[in-house]
Amino acid sequence: MQDGPLREFDLLRLLDDAPREFGLPEARHDAHALYRAHFILFHALYRLRDELWAARAGHLAIDPLAI
């Protein structure tokens, strides 16, 4: 992993390399697929942020340029 914030695209690439396919190769050439990948990613990030906050386990700062 990496210390410090990640860019959205870098996180999508990391997820694409994970065992479970995230769909980024298709998204690189299709605007609708890229929007769908962005929406799913940010939905998951906001849920994770809320869970971390509720459990007092940390804070996740979310911004399209730095996560």
PDB file of N, CA and C in Angstrom:
ATOM      1  N   MET A   1       0.838  -1.191   0.000  1.00  0.00           N
ATOM      2  CA  MET A   1       0.000   0.000   0.000  1.00  0.00           C
ATOM      3  C   MET A   1       0.875   1.244   0.000  1.00  0.00           C
ATOM      4  N   GLN A   2       0.235   2.357   0.173  1.00  0.00           N
ATOM      5  CA  GLN A   2       0.914   3.632   0.057  1.00  0.00           C
ATOM      6  C   GLN A   2       0.577   4.485   1.268  1.00  0.00           C
ATOM      7  N   ASP A   3       1.550   5.267   1.709  1.00  0.00           N
ATOM      8  CA  ASP A   3       1.294   6.232   2.776  1.00  0.00           C
ATOM      9  C   ASP A   3       0.730   7.496   2.150  1.00  0.00           C
ATOM     10  N   GLY A   4      -0.181   8.137   2.851  1.00  0.00           N
ATOM     11  CA  GLY A   4      -0.744   9.379   2.362  1.00  0.00           C
ATOM     12  C   GLY A   4      -1.938   9.156   1.449  1.00  0.00           C
ATOM     13  N   PRO A   5      -2.482  10.246   0.921  1.00  0.00           N
ATOM     14  CA  PRO A   5      -3.706  10.159   0.115  1.00  0.00           C
ATOM     15  C   PRO A   5      -3.468   9.495  -1.242  1.00  0.00           C
ATOM     16  N   LEU A   6      -4.530   8.940  -1.778  1.00  0.00           N
ATOM     17  CA  LEU A   6      -4.545   8.345  -3.117  1.00  0.00           C
ATOM     18  C   LEU A   6      -5.427   9.190  -4.022  1.00  0.00           C
ATOM     19  N   ARG A   7      -5.123   9.193  -5.295  1.00  0.00           N
ATOM     20  CA  ARG A   7      -6.040   9.794  -6.261  1.00  0.00           C
ATOM     21  C   ARG A   7      -7.106   8.757  -6.604  1.00  0.00           C
ATOM     22  N   GLU A   8      -8.267   9.221  -7.009  1.00  0.00           N
ATOM     23  CA  GLU A   8      -9.365   8.308  -7.351  1.00  0.00           C
ATOM     24  C   GLU A   8      -8.933   7.305  -8.416  1.00  0.00           C
ATOM     25  N   PHE A   9      -8.280   7.768  -9.467  1.00  0.00           N
ATOM     26  CA  PHE A   9      -7.873   6.868 -10.542  1.00  0.00           C
ATOM     27  C   PHE A   9      -6.895   5.811 -10.041  1.00  0.00           C
ATOM     28  N   ASP A  10      -5.966   6.206  -9.151  1.00  0.00           N
ATOM     29  CA  ASP A  10      -5.010   5.241  -8.602  1.00  0.00           C
ATOM     30  C   ASP A  10      -5.723   4.179  -7.776  1.00  0.00           C
ATOM     31  N   LEU A  11      -6.726   4.579  -7.016  1.00  0.00           N
ATOM     32  CA  LEU A  11      -7.491   3.613  -6.228  1.00  0.00           C
ATOM     33  C   LEU A  11      -8.278   2.672  -7.145  1.00  0.00           C
ATOM     34  N   LEU A  12      -8.850   3.198  -8.209  1.00  0.00           N
ATOM     35  CA  LEU A  12      -9.550   2.344  -9.169  1.00  0.00           C
ATOM     36  C   LEU A  12      -8.586   1.333  -9.793  1.00  0.00           C
ATOM     37  N   ARG A  13      -7.359   1.761 -10.100  1.00  0.00           N
ATOM     38  CA  ARG A  13      -6.361   0.832 -10.658  1.00  0.00           C
ATOM     39  C   ARG A  13      -5.988  -0.240  -9.649  1.00  0.00           C
ATOM     40  N   LEU A  14      -5.815   0.138  -8.375  1.00  0.00           N
ATOM     41  CA  LEU A  14      -5.513  -0.856  -7.339  1.00  0.00           C
ATOM     42  C   LEU A  14      -6.637  -1.878  -7.222  1.00  0.00           C
ATOM     43  N   LEU A  15      -7.865  -1.402  -7.261  1.00  0.00           N
ATOM     44  CA  LEU A  15      -9.008  -2.308  -7.180  1.00  0.00           C
ATOM     45  C   LEU A  15      -9.082  -3.217  -8.402  1.00  0.00           C
ATOM     46  N   ASP A  16      -8.697  -2.689  -9.547  1.00  0.00           N
ATOM     47  CA  ASP A  16      -8.714  -3.491 -10.764  1.00  0.00           C
ATOM     48  C   ASP A  16      -7.706  -4.637 -10.682  1.00  0.00           C
ATOM     49  N   ASP A  17      -6.599  -4.427  -9.978  1.00  0.00           N
ATOM     50  CA  ASP A  17      -5.572  -5.458  -9.820  1.00  0.00           C
ATOM     51  C   ASP A  17      -5.936  -6.475  -8.749  1.00  0.00           C
ATOM     52  N   ALA A  18      -6.960  -6.185  -7.955  1.00  0.00           N
ATOM     53  CA  ALA A  18      -7.383  -7.094  -6.884  1.00  0.00           C
ATOM     54  C   ALA A  18      -8.026  -8.339  -7.498  1.00  0.00           C
ATOM     55  N   PRO A  19      -8.096  -9.435  -6.717  1.00  0.00           N
ATOM     56  CA  PRO A  19      -8.689 -10.674  -7.246  1.00  0.00           C
ATOM     57  C   PRO A  19     -10.111 -10.504  -7.783  1.00  0.00           C
ATOM     58  N   ARG A  20     -10.901  -9.641  -7.163  1.00  0.00           N
ATOM     59  CA  ARG A  20     -12.273  -9.410  -7.624  1.00  0.00           C
ATOM     60  C   ARG A  20     -12.257  -8.288  -8.653  1.00  0.00           C
ATOM     61  N   GLU A  21     -12.724  -8.552  -9.840  1.00  0.00           N
ATOM     62  CA  GLU A  21     -12.664  -7.569 -10.916  1.00  0.00           C
ATOM     63  C   GLU A  21     -13.610  -6.401 -10.632  1.00  0.00           C
ATOM     64  N   PHE A  22     -13.116  -5.188 -10.809  1.00  0.00           N
ATOM     65  CA  PHE A  22     -13.899  -3.986 -10.538  1.00  0.00           C
ATOM     66  C   PHE A  22     -14.453  -3.368 -11.818  1.00  0.00           C
ATOM     67  N   GLY A  23     -13.895  -3.697 -12.968  1.00  0.00           N
ATOM     68  CA  GLY A  23     -14.431  -3.190 -14.224  1.00  0.00           C
ATOM     69  C   GLY A  23     -13.710  -2.003 -14.809  1.00  0.00           C
ATOM     70  N   LEU A  24     -12.527  -1.676 -14.338  1.00  0.00           N
ATOM     71  CA  LEU A  24     -11.832  -0.496 -14.838  1.00  0.00           C
ATOM     72  C   LEU A  24     -11.397  -0.605 -16.296  1.00  0.00           C
ATOM     73  N   PRO A  25     -10.898  -1.735 -16.801  1.00  0.00           N
ATOM     74  CA  PRO A  25     -10.472  -1.743 -18.206  1.00  0.00           C
ATOM     75  C   PRO A  25     -11.579  -1.273 -19.150  1.00  0.00           C
ATOM     76  N   GLU A  26     -12.794  -1.729 -18.919  1.00  0.00           N
ATOM     77  CA  GLU A  26     -13.938  -1.289 -19.711  1.00  0.00           C
ATOM     78  C   GLU A  26     -14.183   0.201 -19.488  1.00  0.00           C
ATOM     79  N   ALA A  27     -14.007   0.656 -18.262  1.00  0.00           N
ATOM     80  CA  ALA A  27     -14.291   2.046 -17.912  1.00  0.00           C
ATOM     81  C   ALA A  27     -13.298   3.007 -18.553  1.00  0.00           C
ATOM     82  N   ARG A  28     -12.101   2.528 -18.876  1.00  0.00           N
ATOM     83  CA  ARG A  28     -11.108   3.419 -19.478  1.00  0.00           C
ATOM     84  C   ARG A  28     -11.561   3.950 -20.831  1.00  0.00           C
ATOM     85  N   HIS A  29     -12.447   3.220 -21.513  1.00  0.00           N
ATOM     86  CA  HIS A  29     -12.850   3.605 -22.859  1.00  0.00           C
ATOM     87  C   HIS A  29     -14.340   3.917 -22.976  1.00  0.00           C
ATOM     88  N   ASP A  30     -15.051   3.874 -21.874  1.00  0.00           N
ATOM     89  CA  ASP A  30     -16.501   4.061 -21.912  1.00  0.00           C
ATOM     90  C   ASP A  30     -16.906   5.018 -20.797  1.00  0.00           C
ATOM     91  N   ALA A  31     -17.417   6.183 -21.174  1.00  0.00           N
ATOM     92  CA  ALA A  31     -17.766   7.207 -20.187  1.00  0.00           C
ATOM     93  C   ALA A  31     -18.819   6.713 -19.200  1.00  0.00           C
ATOM     94  N   HIS A  32     -19.805   5.962 -19.669  1.00  0.00           N
ATOM     95  CA  HIS A  32     -20.848   5.463 -18.772  1.00  0.00           C
ATOM     96  C   HIS A  32     -20.268   4.479 -17.766  1.00  0.00           C
ATOM     97  N   ALA A  33     -19.392   3.591 -18.202  1.00  0.00           N
ATOM     98  CA  ALA A  33     -18.766   2.623 -17.290  1.00  0.00           C
ATOM     99  C   ALA A  33     -17.864   3.335 -16.283  1.00  0.00           C
ATOM    100  N   LEU A  34     -17.171   4.385 -16.724  1.00  0.00           N
ATOM    101  CA  LEU A  34     -16.321   5.147 -15.804  1.00  0.00           C
ATOM    102  C   LEU A  34     -17.171   5.835 -14.737  1.00  0.00           C
ATOM    103  N   TYR A  35     -18.298   6.427 -15.139  1.00  0.00           N
ATOM    104  CA  TYR A  35     -19.205   7.049 -14.173  1.00  0.00           C
ATOM    105  C   TYR A  35     -19.715   6.011 -13.177  1.00  0.00           C
ATOM    106  N   ARG A  36     -20.085   4.829 -13.676  1.00  0.00           N
ATOM    107  CA  ARG A  36     -20.582   3.763 -12.810  1.00  0.00           C
ATOM    108  C   ARG A  36     -19.505   3.333 -11.805  1.00  0.00           C
ATOM    109  N   ALA A  37     -18.257   3.181 -12.264  1.00  0.00           N
ATOM    110  CA  ALA A  37     -17.155   2.808 -11.371  1.00  0.00           C
ATOM    111  C   ALA A  37     -16.937   3.895 -10.321  1.00  0.00           C
ATOM    112  N   HIS A  38     -16.979   5.169 -10.735  1.00  0.00           N
ATOM    113  CA  HIS A  38     -16.819   6.298  -9.808  1.00  0.00           C
ATOM    114  C   HIS A  38     -17.937   6.284  -8.760  1.00  0.00           C
ATOM    115  N   PHE A  39     -19.174   6.097  -9.199  1.00  0.00           N
ATOM    116  CA  PHE A  39     -20.314   6.110  -8.283  1.00  0.00           C
ATOM    117  C   PHE A  39     -20.207   4.980  -7.261  1.00  0.00           C
ATOM    118  N   ILE A  40     -19.892   3.770  -7.719  1.00  0.00           N
ATOM    119  CA  ILE A  40     -19.770   2.621  -6.812  1.00  0.00           C
ATOM    120  C   ILE A  40     -18.638   2.840  -5.821  1.00  0.00           C
ATOM    121  N   LEU A  41     -17.498   3.324  -6.315  1.00  0.00           N
ATOM    122  CA  LEU A  41     -16.350   3.569  -5.441  1.00  0.00           C
ATOM    123  C   LEU A  41     -16.691   4.590  -4.360  1.00  0.00           C
ATOM    124  N   PHE A  42     -17.269   5.727  -4.747  1.00  0.00           N
ATOM    125  CA  PHE A  42     -17.547   6.765  -3.756  1.00  0.00           C
ATOM    126  C   PHE A  42     -18.668   6.363  -2.805  1.00  0.00           C
ATOM    127  N   HIS A  43     -19.626   5.601  -3.276  1.00  0.00           N
ATOM    128  CA  HIS A  43     -20.664   5.081  -2.382  1.00  0.00           C
ATOM    129  C   HIS A  43     -20.018   4.216  -1.295  1.00  0.00           C
ATOM    130  N   ALA A  44     -19.114   3.323  -1.701  1.00  0.00           N
ATOM    131  CA  ALA A  44     -18.422   2.455  -0.737  1.00  0.00           C
ATOM    132  C   ALA A  44     -17.541   3.269   0.205  1.00  0.00           C
ATOM    133  N   LEU A  45     -16.857   4.277  -0.316  1.00  0.00           N
ATOM    134  CA  LEU A  45     -15.990   5.101   0.532  1.00  0.00           C
ATOM    135  C   LEU A  45     -16.798   5.873   1.577  1.00  0.00           C
ATOM    136  N   TYR A  46     -17.927   6.440   1.176  1.00  0.00           N
ATOM    137  CA  TYR A  46     -18.755   7.179   2.136  1.00  0.00           C
ATOM    138  C   TYR A  46     -19.335   6.255   3.200  1.00  0.00           C
ATOM    139  N   ARG A  47     -19.706   5.044   2.818  1.00  0.00           N
ATOM    140  CA  ARG A  47     -20.188   4.070   3.816  1.00  0.00           C
ATOM    141  C   ARG A  47     -19.072   3.698   4.784  1.00  0.00           C
ATOM    142  N   LEU A  48     -17.870   3.462   4.255  1.00  0.00           N
ATOM    143  CA  LEU A  48     -16.729   3.136   5.107  1.00  0.00           C
ATOM    144  C   LEU A  48     -16.425   4.292   6.054  1.00  0.00           C
ATOM    145  N   ARG A  49     -16.454   5.523   5.536  1.00  0.00           N
ATOM    146  CA  ARG A  49     -16.210   6.698   6.380  1.00  0.00           C
ATOM    147  C   ARG A  49     -17.206   6.758   7.530  1.00  0.00           C
ATOM    148  N   ASP A  50     -18.491   6.534   7.235  1.00  0.00           N
ATOM    149  CA  ASP A  50     -19.525   6.570   8.269  1.00  0.00           C
ATOM    150  C   ASP A  50     -19.341   5.459   9.295  1.00  0.00           C
ATOM    151  N   GLU A  51     -18.962   4.258   8.836  1.00  0.00           N
ATOM    152  CA  GLU A  51     -18.737   3.142   9.761  1.00  0.00           C
ATOM    153  C   GLU A  51     -17.531   3.402  10.660  1.00  0.00           C
ATOM    154  N   LEU A  52     -16.455   3.925  10.092  1.00  0.00           N
ATOM    155  CA  LEU A  52     -15.274   4.253  10.899  1.00  0.00           C
ATOM    156  C   LEU A  52     -15.620   5.303  11.951  1.00  0.00           C
ATOM    157  N   TRP A  53     -16.368   6.315  11.547  1.00  0.00           N
ATOM    158  CA  TRP A  53     -16.750   7.393  12.459  1.00  0.00           C
ATOM    159  C   TRP A  53     -17.641   6.866  13.586  1.00  0.00           C
ATOM    160  N   ALA A  54     -18.635   6.042  13.240  1.00  0.00           N
ATOM    161  CA  ALA A  54     -19.564   5.497  14.235  1.00  0.00           C
ATOM    162  C   ALA A  54     -18.845   4.600  15.232  1.00  0.00           C
ATOM    163  N   ALA A  55     -17.851   3.866  14.773  1.00  0.00           N
ATOM    164  CA  ALA A  55     -17.101   2.967  15.654  1.00  0.00           C
ATOM    165  C   ALA A  55     -15.952   3.688  16.361  1.00  0.00           C
ATOM    166  N   ARG A  56     -15.812   4.975  16.082  1.00  0.00           N
ATOM    167  CA  ARG A  56     -14.698   5.766  16.623  1.00  0.00           C
ATOM    168  C   ARG A  56     -13.361   5.089  16.331  1.00  0.00           C
ATOM    169  N   ALA A  57     -13.268   4.570  15.102  1.00  0.00           N
ATOM    170  CA  ALA A  57     -12.082   3.821  14.693  1.00  0.00           C
ATOM    171  C   ALA A  57     -11.194   4.612  13.733  1.00  0.00           C
ATOM    172  N   GLY A  58     -11.625   5.804  13.375  1.00  0.00           N
ATOM    173  CA  GLY A  58     -10.809   6.607  12.477  1.00  0.00           C
ATOM    174  C   GLY A  58     -11.647   7.561  11.660  1.00  0.00           C
ATOM    175  N   HIS A  59     -10.954   8.300  10.814  1.00  0.00           N
ATOM    176  CA  HIS A  59     -11.607   9.270   9.940  1.00  0.00           C
ATOM    177  C   HIS A  59     -11.066   9.073   8.534  1.00  0.00           C
ATOM    178  N   LEU A  60     -11.939   9.030   7.564  1.00  0.00           N
ATOM    179  CA  LEU A  60     -11.553   8.888   6.168  1.00  0.00           C
ATOM    180  C   LEU A  60     -11.930  10.172   5.449  1.00  0.00           C
ATOM    181  N   ALA A  61     -10.931  10.910   5.000  1.00  0.00           N
ATOM    182  CA  ALA A  61     -11.167  12.138   4.246  1.00  0.00           C
ATOM    183  C   ALA A  61     -11.352  11.765   2.778  1.00  0.00           C
ATOM    184  N   ILE A  62     -12.467  12.192   2.199  1.00  0.00           N
ATOM    185  CA  ILE A  62     -12.808  11.812   0.828  1.00  0.00           C
ATOM    186  C   ILE A  62     -12.927  13.062  -0.035  1.00  0.00           C
ATOM    187  N   ASP A  63     -12.162  13.075  -1.117  1.00  0.00           N
ATOM    188  CA  ASP A  63     -12.178  14.153  -2.088  1.00  0.00           C
ATOM    189  C   ASP A  63     -11.820  13.513  -3.430  1.00  0.00           C
ATOM    190  N   PRO A  64     -12.384  13.929  -4.540  1.00  0.00           N
ATOM    191  CA  PRO A  64     -12.043  13.284  -5.812  1.00  0.00           C
ATOM    192  C   PRO A  64     -10.550  13.318  -6.150  1.00  0.00           C
ATOM    193  N   LEU A  65      -9.838  14.309  -5.631  1.00  0.00           N
ATOM    194  CA  LEU A  65      -8.414  14.406  -5.936  1.00  0.00           C
ATOM    195  C   LEU A  65      -7.530  13.708  -4.919  1.00  0.00           C
ATOM    196  N   ALA A  66      -8.051  13.414  -3.739  1.00  0.00           N
ATOM    197  CA  ALA A  66      -7.239  12.766  -2.699  1.00  0.00           C
ATOM    198  C   ALA A  66      -8.147  12.030  -1.729  1.00  0.00           C
ATOM    199  N   ILE A  67      -7.889  10.739  -1.574  1.00  0.00           N
ATOM    200  CA  ILE A  67      -8.689   9.913  -0.666  1.00  0.00           C
ATOM    201  C   ILE A  67      -7.779   9.431   0.444  1.00  0.00           C
TER     202      ILE A  67
END
